Amino acid sequence: QVQLVESGGGLVQAGGSLRLSCAASGSTFRINAIGWYRQAPGKQRELVAAISSGGNTKYADPVKGRFTISRDNANNTAYLQMNSLKAEDTAVYYCTAADTIATMIEARLHAWGRGTLVTVSS
């Protein structure tokens, strides 16, 4: 099994930045793609960004140019740098793991973290 633990959420003003971290443990050899989903109040979960073990990335249109996903394979850690935050970015952010970016988009996942809350005040 894969365990994922997120950190780095919090309260920030609009226009500010936050960096989320995701630490993976357990059967990390199963992880190819790591990604971040988010769920805002009253809305469905949506994929924000994903990265493959080779460094290929995928971003949702609303965050392109503002968010950057990265990973440190040696330390089984992934990051989501979020800049120019907007009130609509307020959500619980979940770290996820999958075989490929394609299966992550389809939400066919090995694991979900518990989530970390990001609140952007306007």
C-alpha atoms as a PDB file:
ATOM      1  CA  GLN A   1       0.000   0.000   0.000  1.00  0.00           C
ATOM      2  CA  VAL A   2       0.938   3.613  -0.518  1.00  0.00           C
ATOM      3  CA  GLN A   3       0.455   6.220   2.184  1.00  0.00           C
ATOM      4  CA  LEU A   4       0.374   9.917   1.369  1.00  0.00           C
ATOM      5  CA  VAL A   5       0.578  12.768   3.873  1.00  0.00           C
ATOM      6  CA  GLU A   6       0.017  16.367   2.856  1.00  0.00           C
ATOM      7  CA  SER A   7       1.235  19.493   4.606  1.00  0.00           C
ATOM      8  CA  GLY A   8       1.553  23.197   3.936  1.00  0.00           C
ATOM      9  CA  GLY A   9      -2.039  24.348   3.778  1.00  0.00           C
ATOM     10  CA  GLY A  10      -3.271  27.432   5.575  1.00  0.00           C
ATOM     11  CA  LEU A  11      -4.822  30.859   5.275  1.00  0.00           C
ATOM     12  CA  VAL A  12      -3.406  33.309   2.766  1.00  0.00           C
ATOM     13  CA  GLN A  13      -4.550  36.557   1.214  1.00  0.00           C
ATOM     14  CA  ALA A  14      -5.480  36.743  -2.434  1.00  0.00           C
ATOM     15  CA  GLY A  15      -2.375  37.235  -4.514  1.00  0.00           C
ATOM     16  CA  GLY A  16      -0.224  35.347  -2.046  1.00  0.00           C
ATOM     17  CA  SER A  17       1.587  32.032  -2.308  1.00  0.00           C
ATOM     18  CA  LEU A  18       1.661  28.680  -0.575  1.00  0.00           C
ATOM     19  CA  ARG A  19       3.647  25.508  -1.135  1.00  0.00           C
ATOM     20  CA  LEU A  20       2.036  22.174  -0.426  1.00  0.00           C
ATOM     21  CA  SER A  21       4.106  19.068   0.239  1.00  0.00           C
ATOM     22  CA  CYS A  22       3.196  15.411  -0.085  1.00  0.00           C
ATOM     23  CA  ALA A  23       5.282  12.717   1.580  1.00  0.00           C
ATOM     24  CA  ALA A  24       4.820   9.198   0.235  1.00  0.00           C
ATOM     25  CA  SER A  25       5.637   5.995   2.092  1.00  0.00           C
ATOM     26  CA  GLY A  26       4.928   2.295   1.834  1.00  0.00           C
ATOM     27  CA  SER A  27       4.932   0.673  -1.609  1.00  0.00           C
ATOM     28  CA  THR A  28       6.342   3.730  -3.320  1.00  0.00           C
ATOM     29  CA  PHE A  29       7.615   1.597  -6.213  1.00  0.00           C
ATOM     30  CA  ARG A  30       3.973   1.520  -7.367  1.00  0.00           C
ATOM     31  CA  ILE A  31       3.924   5.274  -7.828  1.00  0.00           C
ATOM     32  CA  ASN A  32       4.509   6.608 -11.298  1.00  0.00           C
ATOM     33  CA  ALA A  33       2.248   9.619 -11.318  1.00  0.00           C
ATOM     34  CA  ILE A  34       1.662  11.915  -8.355  1.00  0.00           C
ATOM     35  CA  GLY A  35      -0.960  14.585  -8.440  1.00  0.00           C
ATOM     36  CA  TRP A  36      -3.093  17.014  -6.549  1.00  0.00           C
ATOM     37  CA  TYR A  37      -6.869  17.033  -6.546  1.00  0.00           C
ATOM     38  CA  ARG A  38      -8.921  19.665  -4.772  1.00  0.00           C
ATOM     39  CA  GLN A  39     -12.473  19.915  -3.543  1.00  0.00           C
ATOM     40  CA  ALA A  40     -14.132  23.232  -2.824  1.00  0.00           C
ATOM     41  CA  PRO A  41     -17.259  23.475  -0.665  1.00  0.00           C
ATOM     42  CA  GLY A  42     -20.280  22.253  -2.593  1.00  0.00           C
ATOM     43  CA  LYS A  43     -18.226  21.231  -5.620  1.00  0.00           C
ATOM     44  CA  GLN A  44     -16.852  18.001  -7.035  1.00  0.00           C
ATOM     45  CA  ARG A  45     -13.220  17.054  -6.696  1.00  0.00           C
ATOM     46  CA  GLU A  46     -11.116  18.188  -9.610  1.00  0.00           C
ATOM     47  CA  LEU A  47      -7.602  17.369 -10.708  1.00  0.00           C
ATOM     48  CA  VAL A  48      -5.347  20.382 -10.291  1.00  0.00           C
ATOM     49  CA  ALA A  49      -1.978  19.067 -11.438  1.00  0.00           C
ATOM     50  CA  ALA A  50      -0.111  15.826 -12.011  1.00  0.00           C
ATOM     51  CA  ILE A  51       3.469  14.795 -12.697  1.00  0.00           C
ATOM     52  CA  SER A  52       4.929  11.529 -13.929  1.00  0.00           C
ATOM     53  CA  SER A  53       8.139   9.945 -12.677  1.00  0.00           C
ATOM     54  CA  GLY A  54       9.798  11.237 -15.828  1.00  0.00           C
ATOM     55  CA  GLY A  55       8.731  14.803 -15.176  1.00  0.00           C
ATOM     56  CA  ASN A  56       5.821  15.148 -17.595  1.00  0.00           C
ATOM     57  CA  THR A  57       3.163  17.443 -16.176  1.00  0.00           C
ATOM     58  CA  LYS A  58      -0.527  18.173 -16.594  1.00  0.00           C
ATOM     59  CA  TYR A  59      -2.389  21.210 -15.237  1.00  0.00           C
ATOM     60  CA  ALA A  60      -6.015  22.192 -15.033  1.00  0.00           C
ATOM     61  CA  ASP A  61      -6.763  25.298 -17.067  1.00  0.00           C
ATOM     62  CA  PRO A  62      -7.693  27.482 -14.047  1.00  0.00           C
ATOM     63  CA  VAL A  63      -4.229  27.055 -12.500  1.00  0.00           C
ATOM     64  CA  LYS A  64      -1.983  27.129 -15.550  1.00  0.00           C
ATOM     65  CA  GLY A  65       0.721  29.726 -15.175  1.00  0.00           C
ATOM     66  CA  ARG A  66       0.090  30.056 -11.425  1.00  0.00           C
ATOM     67  CA  PHE A  67       0.730  26.572  -9.982  1.00  0.00           C
ATOM     68  CA  THR A  68       3.796  24.403 -10.433  1.00  0.00           C
ATOM     69  CA  ILE A  69       4.000  20.730  -9.534  1.00  0.00           C
ATOM     70  CA  SER A  70       7.340  19.078  -8.851  1.00  0.00           C
ATOM     71  CA  ARG A  71       8.701  15.940  -7.226  1.00  0.00           C
ATOM     72  CA  ASP A  72      11.798  14.651  -5.503  1.00  0.00           C
ATOM     73  CA  ASN A  73      11.926  10.970  -6.416  1.00  0.00           C
ATOM     74  CA  ALA A  74      14.848  10.224  -4.126  1.00  0.00           C
ATOM     75  CA  ASN A  75      12.867  11.395  -1.109  1.00  0.00           C
ATOM     76  CA  ASN A  76       9.409  10.281  -2.298  1.00  0.00           C
ATOM     77  CA  THR A  77       8.060  13.796  -1.951  1.00  0.00           C
ATOM     78  CA  ALA A  78       5.952  15.950  -4.242  1.00  0.00           C
ATOM     79  CA  TYR A  79       5.213  19.644  -4.105  1.00  0.00           C
ATOM     80  CA  LEU A  80       2.623  22.066  -5.376  1.00  0.00           C
ATOM     81  CA  GLN A  81       3.796  25.660  -5.534  1.00  0.00           C
ATOM     82  CA  MET A  82       0.778  27.929  -5.715  1.00  0.00           C
ATOM     83  CA  ASN A  83       1.258  31.570  -6.659  1.00  0.00           C
ATOM     84  CA  SER A  84      -1.150  34.415  -7.348  1.00  0.00           C
ATOM     85  CA  LEU A  85      -3.788  32.648  -5.293  1.00  0.00           C
ATOM     86  CA  LYS A  86      -7.420  33.556  -5.791  1.00  0.00           C
ATOM     87  CA  ALA A  87     -10.473  33.139  -3.580  1.00  0.00           C
ATOM     88  CA  GLU A  88     -11.688  30.417  -5.946  1.00  0.00           C
ATOM     89  CA  ASP A  89      -8.608  28.352  -5.113  1.00  0.00           C
ATOM     90  CA  THR A  90     -10.042  27.816  -1.621  1.00  0.00           C
ATOM     91  CA  ALA A  91     -10.445  24.062  -1.199  1.00  0.00           C
ATOM     92  CA  VAL A  92      -9.151  20.959   0.492  1.00  0.00           C
ATOM     93  CA  TYR A  93      -6.173  19.754  -1.515  1.00  0.00           C
ATOM     94  CA  TYR A  94      -5.491  16.021  -1.745  1.00  0.00           C
ATOM     95  CA  CYS A  95      -2.297  14.332  -2.810  1.00  0.00           C
ATOM     96  CA  THR A  96      -2.889  11.292  -5.026  1.00  0.00           C
ATOM     97  CA  ALA A  97      -0.895   8.513  -6.658  1.00  0.00           C
ATOM     98  CA  ALA A  98      -1.585   6.532  -9.826  1.00  0.00           C
ATOM     99  CA  ASP A  99       0.028   4.392 -12.511  1.00  0.00           C
ATOM    100  CA  THR A 100       0.001   7.145 -15.111  1.00  0.00           C
ATOM    101  CA  ILE A 101      -1.209  10.696 -15.598  1.00  0.00           C
ATOM    102  CA  ALA A 102      -3.982   9.290 -17.775  1.00  0.00           C
ATOM    103  CA  THR A 103      -5.283   7.027 -15.015  1.00  0.00           C
ATOM    104  CA  MET A 104      -4.965   9.867 -12.549  1.00  0.00           C
ATOM    105  CA  ILE A 105      -7.190  12.001 -14.776  1.00  0.00           C
ATOM    106  CA  GLU A 106      -9.677   9.113 -14.729  1.00  0.00           C
ATOM    107  CA  ALA A 107      -9.390   9.028 -10.903  1.00  0.00           C
ATOM    108  CA  ARG A 108      -8.138   5.414 -10.975  1.00  0.00           C
ATOM    109  CA  LEU A 109      -5.847   5.917  -8.026  1.00  0.00           C
ATOM    110  CA  HIS A 110      -3.635   3.868  -5.728  1.00  0.00           C
ATOM    111  CA  ALA A 111      -4.028   6.232  -2.829  1.00  0.00           C
ATOM    112  CA  TRP A 112      -5.422   9.492  -1.510  1.00  0.00           C
ATOM    113  CA  GLY A 113      -3.999  11.577   1.289  1.00  0.00           C
ATOM    114  CA  ARG A 114      -6.248  13.013   3.994  1.00  0.00           C
ATOM    115  CA  GLY A 115      -6.067  16.479   2.524  1.00  0.00           C
ATOM    116  CA  THR A 116      -4.872  19.892   3.600  1.00  0.00           C
ATOM    117  CA  LEU A 117      -7.083  22.972   3.673  1.00  0.00           C
ATOM    118  CA  VAL A 118      -6.155  26.045   1.678  1.00  0.00           C
ATOM    119  CA  THR A 119      -8.166  29.167   2.387  1.00  0.00           C
ATOM    120  CA  VAL A 120      -7.661  32.275   0.275  1.00  0.00           C
ATOM    121  CA  SER A 121      -9.197  35.446   1.627  1.00  0.00           C
ATOM    122  CA  SER A 122     -10.232  38.158  -0.791  1.00  0.00           C
END
